[in-house]
């Protein structure tokens, strides 16, 4: 019995850590889209970034809610050091006159990180079905957003 309780506790800790990591990635994306959108000139890019800002905040809230279902009471919204550095790099590019293409390239790198985070999370856990469906739906959106950012970057390269 003690062995089973310990295994359940270890699984919950692993699940909590993985979800917290995804939430942090989503918060980084949310902040990144806010910061980069301020400097974009292209109206299509600005619209996409505003939409993605809302999507990332919604996804993070959804995962926070799932943590609450697991009994985790304190879910603090944080941003990673890597995310802060990535945003600072984007701001520097904007100040140096990198233009929309450079900003979209920065955003695409951030989206690559989000794609990777979801791939790792889905591969590393045996998620309960409802939560797995949430993660797969969010991952599909992240992949589509990455492709939209990349397409805009390519369009503005010309």
C-alpha atoms as a PDB file:
ATOM      1  CA  UNK A   1       0.000   0.000   0.000  1.00  0.00           C
ATOM      2  CA  UNK A   2       2.805   2.445   0.903  1.00  0.00           C
ATOM      3  CA  UNK A   3       4.507   1.619  -2.409  1.00  0.00           C
ATOM      4  CA  UNK A   4       1.337   2.470  -4.338  1.00  0.00           C
ATOM      5  CA  UNK A   5       0.835   5.757  -2.480  1.00  0.00           C
ATOM      6  CA  UNK A   6       4.477   6.691  -3.111  1.00  0.00           C
ATOM      7  CA  UNK A   7       4.130   5.918  -6.835  1.00  0.00           C
ATOM      8  CA  UNK A   8       0.934   7.964  -7.048  1.00  0.00           C
ATOM      9  CA  UNK A   9       2.683  10.850  -5.299  1.00  0.00           C
ATOM     10  CA  UNK A  10       5.677  10.633  -7.655  1.00  0.00           C
ATOM     11  CA  UNK A  11       3.357  10.571 -10.688  1.00  0.00           C
ATOM     12  CA  UNK A  12       1.461  13.605  -9.411  1.00  0.00           C
ATOM     13  CA  UNK A  13       4.737  15.481  -8.843  1.00  0.00           C
ATOM     14  CA  UNK A  14       5.897  14.652 -12.367  1.00  0.00           C
ATOM     15  CA  UNK A  15       2.538  15.695 -13.841  1.00  0.00           C
ATOM     16  CA  UNK A  16       2.573  18.916 -11.837  1.00  0.00           C
ATOM     17  CA  UNK A  17       6.111  19.766 -12.966  1.00  0.00           C
ATOM     18  CA  UNK A  18       5.317  19.064 -16.619  1.00  0.00           C
ATOM     19  CA  UNK A  19       2.154  21.200 -16.508  1.00  0.00           C
ATOM     20  CA  UNK A  20       3.987  24.007 -14.699  1.00  0.00           C
ATOM     21  CA  UNK A  21       6.693  23.914 -17.390  1.00  0.00           C
ATOM     22  CA  UNK A  22       4.045  24.198 -20.114  1.00  0.00           C
ATOM     23  CA  UNK A  23       2.353  27.054 -18.264  1.00  0.00           C
ATOM     24  CA  UNK A  24       5.698  28.849 -18.049  1.00  0.00           C
ATOM     25  CA  UNK A  25       6.233  28.333 -21.791  1.00  0.00           C
ATOM     26  CA  UNK A  26       2.760  29.707 -22.499  1.00  0.00           C
ATOM     27  CA  UNK A  27       3.378  32.723 -20.250  1.00  0.00           C
ATOM     28  CA  UNK A  28       6.667  33.348 -22.069  1.00  0.00           C
ATOM     29  CA  UNK A  29       4.828  33.225 -25.395  1.00  0.00           C
ATOM     30  CA  UNK A  30       2.101  35.503 -24.095  1.00  0.00           C
ATOM     31  CA  UNK A  31       4.624  38.114 -22.958  1.00  0.00           C
ATOM     32  CA  UNK A  32       6.691  37.721 -26.114  1.00  0.00           C
ATOM     33  CA  UNK A  33       3.709  38.315 -28.373  1.00  0.00           C
ATOM     34  CA  UNK A  34       2.755  41.405 -26.352  1.00  0.00           C
ATOM     35  CA  UNK A  35       6.254  42.887 -26.563  1.00  0.00           C
ATOM     36  CA  UNK A  36       6.880  42.097 -30.226  1.00  0.00           C
ATOM     37  CA  UNK A  37       3.414  43.241 -31.327  1.00  0.00           C
ATOM     38  CA  UNK A  38       4.205  46.741 -30.043  1.00  0.00           C
ATOM     39  CA  UNK A  39       6.988  47.045 -32.613  1.00  0.00           C
ATOM     40  CA  UNK A  40       5.407  45.395 -35.649  1.00  0.00           C
ATOM     41  CA  UNK A  41       4.247  47.545 -38.550  1.00  0.00           C
ATOM     42  CA  UNK A  42       2.444  44.915 -40.647  1.00  0.00           C
ATOM     43  CA  UNK A  43      -1.286  44.871 -39.756  1.00  0.00           C
ATOM     44  CA  UNK A  44      -1.627  41.123 -40.406  1.00  0.00           C
ATOM     45  CA  UNK A  45       1.284  40.382 -38.088  1.00  0.00           C
ATOM     46  CA  UNK A  46      -0.094  42.692 -35.400  1.00  0.00           C
ATOM     47  CA  UNK A  47      -3.499  41.000 -35.627  1.00  0.00           C
ATOM     48  CA  UNK A  48      -1.945  37.528 -35.356  1.00  0.00           C
ATOM     49  CA  UNK A  49       0.106  38.554 -32.341  1.00  0.00           C
ATOM     50  CA  UNK A  50      -2.940  40.031 -30.571  1.00  0.00           C
ATOM     51  CA  UNK A  51      -4.859  36.791 -31.212  1.00  0.00           C
ATOM     52  CA  UNK A  52      -1.989  34.647 -29.973  1.00  0.00           C
ATOM     53  CA  UNK A  53      -1.586  36.761 -26.847  1.00  0.00           C
ATOM     54  CA  UNK A  54      -5.159  35.870 -25.908  1.00  0.00           C
ATOM     55  CA  UNK A  55      -4.776  32.223 -26.942  1.00  0.00           C
ATOM     56  CA  UNK A  56      -1.654  31.702 -24.810  1.00  0.00           C
ATOM     57  CA  UNK A  57      -3.265  33.301 -21.773  1.00  0.00           C
ATOM     58  CA  UNK A  58      -6.308  31.060 -22.244  1.00  0.00           C
ATOM     59  CA  UNK A  59      -4.184  27.933 -22.629  1.00  0.00           C
ATOM     60  CA  UNK A  60      -2.196  28.753 -19.476  1.00  0.00           C
ATOM     61  CA  UNK A  61      -5.417  29.333 -17.518  1.00  0.00           C
ATOM     62  CA  UNK A  62      -6.785  26.026 -18.801  1.00  0.00           C
ATOM     63  CA  UNK A  63      -3.703  24.147 -17.583  1.00  0.00           C
ATOM     64  CA  UNK A  64      -3.761  26.008 -14.265  1.00  0.00           C
ATOM     65  CA  UNK A  65      -7.348  24.836 -13.866  1.00  0.00           C
ATOM     66  CA  UNK A  66      -6.219  21.257 -14.498  1.00  0.00           C
ATOM     67  CA  UNK A  67      -3.597  21.617 -11.762  1.00  0.00           C
ATOM     68  CA  UNK A  68      -6.353  22.788  -9.423  1.00  0.00           C
ATOM     69  CA  UNK A  69      -8.273  19.589 -10.278  1.00  0.00           C
ATOM     70  CA  UNK A  70      -5.199  17.638  -9.156  1.00  0.00           C
ATOM     71  CA  UNK A  71      -5.328  19.483  -5.844  1.00  0.00           C
ATOM     72  CA  UNK A  72      -2.540  21.981  -6.509  1.00  0.00           C
ATOM     73  CA  UNK A  73      -3.655  25.178  -4.819  1.00  0.00           C
ATOM     74  CA  UNK A  74      -0.829  27.607  -5.534  1.00  0.00           C
ATOM     75  CA  UNK A  75      -0.238  28.022  -9.248  1.00  0.00           C
ATOM     76  CA  UNK A  76       1.827  31.154  -9.742  1.00  0.00           C
ATOM     77  CA  UNK A  77       2.205  32.672 -13.171  1.00  0.00           C
ATOM     78  CA  UNK A  78       5.899  33.041 -13.856  1.00  0.00           C
ATOM     79  CA  UNK A  79       8.069  33.634 -16.848  1.00  0.00           C
ATOM     80  CA  UNK A  80      11.353  31.877 -17.479  1.00  0.00           C
ATOM     81  CA  UNK A  81      14.757  33.507 -17.651  1.00  0.00           C
ATOM     82  CA  UNK A  82      15.146  32.186 -21.195  1.00  0.00           C
ATOM     83  CA  UNK A  83      11.841  33.802 -22.147  1.00  0.00           C
ATOM     84  CA  UNK A  84      12.907  37.124 -20.687  1.00  0.00           C
ATOM     85  CA  UNK A  85      16.193  36.988 -22.593  1.00  0.00           C
ATOM     86  CA  UNK A  86      14.353  36.069 -25.799  1.00  0.00           C
ATOM     87  CA  UNK A  87      12.029  39.069 -25.413  1.00  0.00           C
ATOM     88  CA  UNK A  88      14.959  41.380 -24.677  1.00  0.00           C
ATOM     89  CA  UNK A  89      16.630  40.163 -27.871  1.00  0.00           C
ATOM     90  CA  UNK A  90      13.445  40.949 -29.820  1.00  0.00           C
ATOM     91  CA  UNK A  91      13.282  44.424 -28.291  1.00  0.00           C
ATOM     92  CA  UNK A  92      16.914  45.040 -29.203  1.00  0.00           C
ATOM     93  CA  UNK A  93      16.249  43.981 -32.798  1.00  0.00           C
ATOM     94  CA  UNK A  94      13.334  46.398 -32.945  1.00  0.00           C
ATOM     95  CA  UNK A  95      15.429  49.266 -31.596  1.00  0.00           C
ATOM     96  CA  UNK A  96      18.210  48.535 -34.053  1.00  0.00           C
ATOM     97  CA  UNK A  97      15.750  48.702 -36.942  1.00  0.00           C
ATOM     98  CA  UNK A  98      15.506  44.995 -37.690  1.00  0.00           C
ATOM     99  CA  UNK A  99      11.985  45.507 -38.974  1.00  0.00           C
ATOM    100  CA  UNK A 100       9.052  43.148 -39.069  1.00  0.00           C
ATOM    101  CA  UNK A 101      11.024  40.330 -40.695  1.00  0.00           C
ATOM    102  CA  UNK A 102      13.555  40.250 -37.822  1.00  0.00           C
ATOM    103  CA  UNK A 103      10.792  40.427 -35.214  1.00  0.00           C
ATOM    104  CA  UNK A 104       8.889  37.591 -36.873  1.00  0.00           C
ATOM    105  CA  UNK A 105      12.086  35.524 -36.982  1.00  0.00           C
ATOM    106  CA  UNK A 106      12.423  36.089 -33.229  1.00  0.00           C
ATOM    107  CA  UNK A 107       8.805  35.055 -32.719  1.00  0.00           C
ATOM    108  CA  UNK A 108       9.342  31.919 -34.804  1.00  0.00           C
ATOM    109  CA  UNK A 109      12.203  30.874 -32.519  1.00  0.00           C
ATOM    110  CA  UNK A 110       9.876  31.275 -29.558  1.00  0.00           C
ATOM    111  CA  UNK A 111       7.286  29.177 -31.338  1.00  0.00           C
ATOM    112  CA  UNK A 112       9.921  26.490 -31.950  1.00  0.00           C
ATOM    113  CA  UNK A 113      10.430  26.348 -28.187  1.00  0.00           C
ATOM    114  CA  UNK A 114       6.688  26.034 -27.587  1.00  0.00           C
ATOM    115  CA  UNK A 115       6.433  23.232 -30.153  1.00  0.00           C
ATOM    116  CA  UNK A 116       9.293  21.409 -28.448  1.00  0.00           C
ATOM    117  CA  UNK A 117       7.739  21.847 -24.986  1.00  0.00           C
ATOM    118  CA  UNK A 118       4.484  20.235 -26.119  1.00  0.00           C
ATOM    119  CA  UNK A 119       6.288  17.407 -27.926  1.00  0.00           C
ATOM    120  CA  UNK A 120       8.267  16.614 -24.779  1.00  0.00           C
ATOM    121  CA  UNK A 121       5.243  16.847 -22.502  1.00  0.00           C
ATOM    122  CA  UNK A 122       3.126  14.559 -24.644  1.00  0.00           C
ATOM    123  CA  UNK A 123       5.944  12.025 -25.032  1.00  0.00           C
ATOM    124  CA  UNK A 124       6.950  11.972 -21.368  1.00  0.00           C
ATOM    125  CA  UNK A 125       3.623  11.294 -19.677  1.00  0.00           C
ATOM    126  CA  UNK A 126       0.792   8.826 -19.796  1.00  0.00           C
ATOM    127  CA  UNK A 127      -1.851  11.533 -19.490  1.00  0.00           C
ATOM    128  CA  UNK A 128      -5.439  10.863 -18.469  1.00  0.00           C
ATOM    129  CA  UNK A 129      -7.591  11.081 -21.604  1.00  0.00           C
ATOM    130  CA  UNK A 130      -9.341  14.424 -20.952  1.00  0.00           C
ATOM    131  CA  UNK A 131      -6.023  16.133 -20.177  1.00  0.00           C
ATOM    132  CA  UNK A 132      -4.300  14.485 -23.150  1.00  0.00           C
ATOM    133  CA  UNK A 133      -7.062  15.849 -25.408  1.00  0.00           C
ATOM    134  CA  UNK A 134      -6.517  19.351 -23.999  1.00  0.00           C
ATOM    135  CA  UNK A 135      -2.771  19.130 -24.623  1.00  0.00           C
ATOM    136  CA  UNK A 136      -3.234  17.769 -28.154  1.00  0.00           C
ATOM    137  CA  UNK A 137      -5.711  20.550 -28.996  1.00  0.00           C
ATOM    138  CA  UNK A 138      -3.329  23.175 -27.640  1.00  0.00           C
ATOM    139  CA  UNK A 139      -0.412  21.587 -29.497  1.00  0.00           C
ATOM    140  CA  UNK A 140      -2.334  21.708 -32.797  1.00  0.00           C
ATOM    141  CA  UNK A 141      -2.964  25.408 -32.236  1.00  0.00           C
ATOM    142  CA  UNK A 142       0.718  26.038 -31.398  1.00  0.00           C
ATOM    143  CA  UNK A 143       1.793  24.229 -34.583  1.00  0.00           C
ATOM    144  CA  UNK A 144      -0.656  26.246 -36.701  1.00  0.00           C
ATOM    145  CA  UNK A 145       0.450  29.519 -35.077  1.00  0.00           C
ATOM    146  CA  UNK A 146       4.089  28.628 -35.759  1.00  0.00           C
ATOM    147  CA  UNK A 147       3.260  28.077 -39.421  1.00  0.00           C
ATOM    148  CA  UNK A 148       1.389  31.399 -39.604  1.00  0.00           C
ATOM    149  CA  UNK A 149       4.308  33.286 -38.043  1.00  0.00           C
ATOM    150  CA  UNK A 150       6.733  31.578 -40.429  1.00  0.00           C
ATOM    151  CA  UNK A 151       4.541  32.358 -43.458  1.00  0.00           C
ATOM    152  CA  UNK A 152       4.351  36.035 -42.451  1.00  0.00           C
ATOM    153  CA  UNK A 153       8.114  36.125 -41.907  1.00  0.00           C
ATOM    154  CA  UNK A 154       8.689  34.619 -45.345  1.00  0.00           C
ATOM    155  CA  UNK A 155       6.224  37.029 -46.973  1.00  0.00           C
ATOM    156  CA  UNK A 156       7.946  40.023 -45.401  1.00  0.00           C
ATOM    157  CA  UNK A 157      11.424  38.813 -46.400  1.00  0.00           C
ATOM    158  CA  UNK A 158      10.839  39.897 -49.985  1.00  0.00           C
END
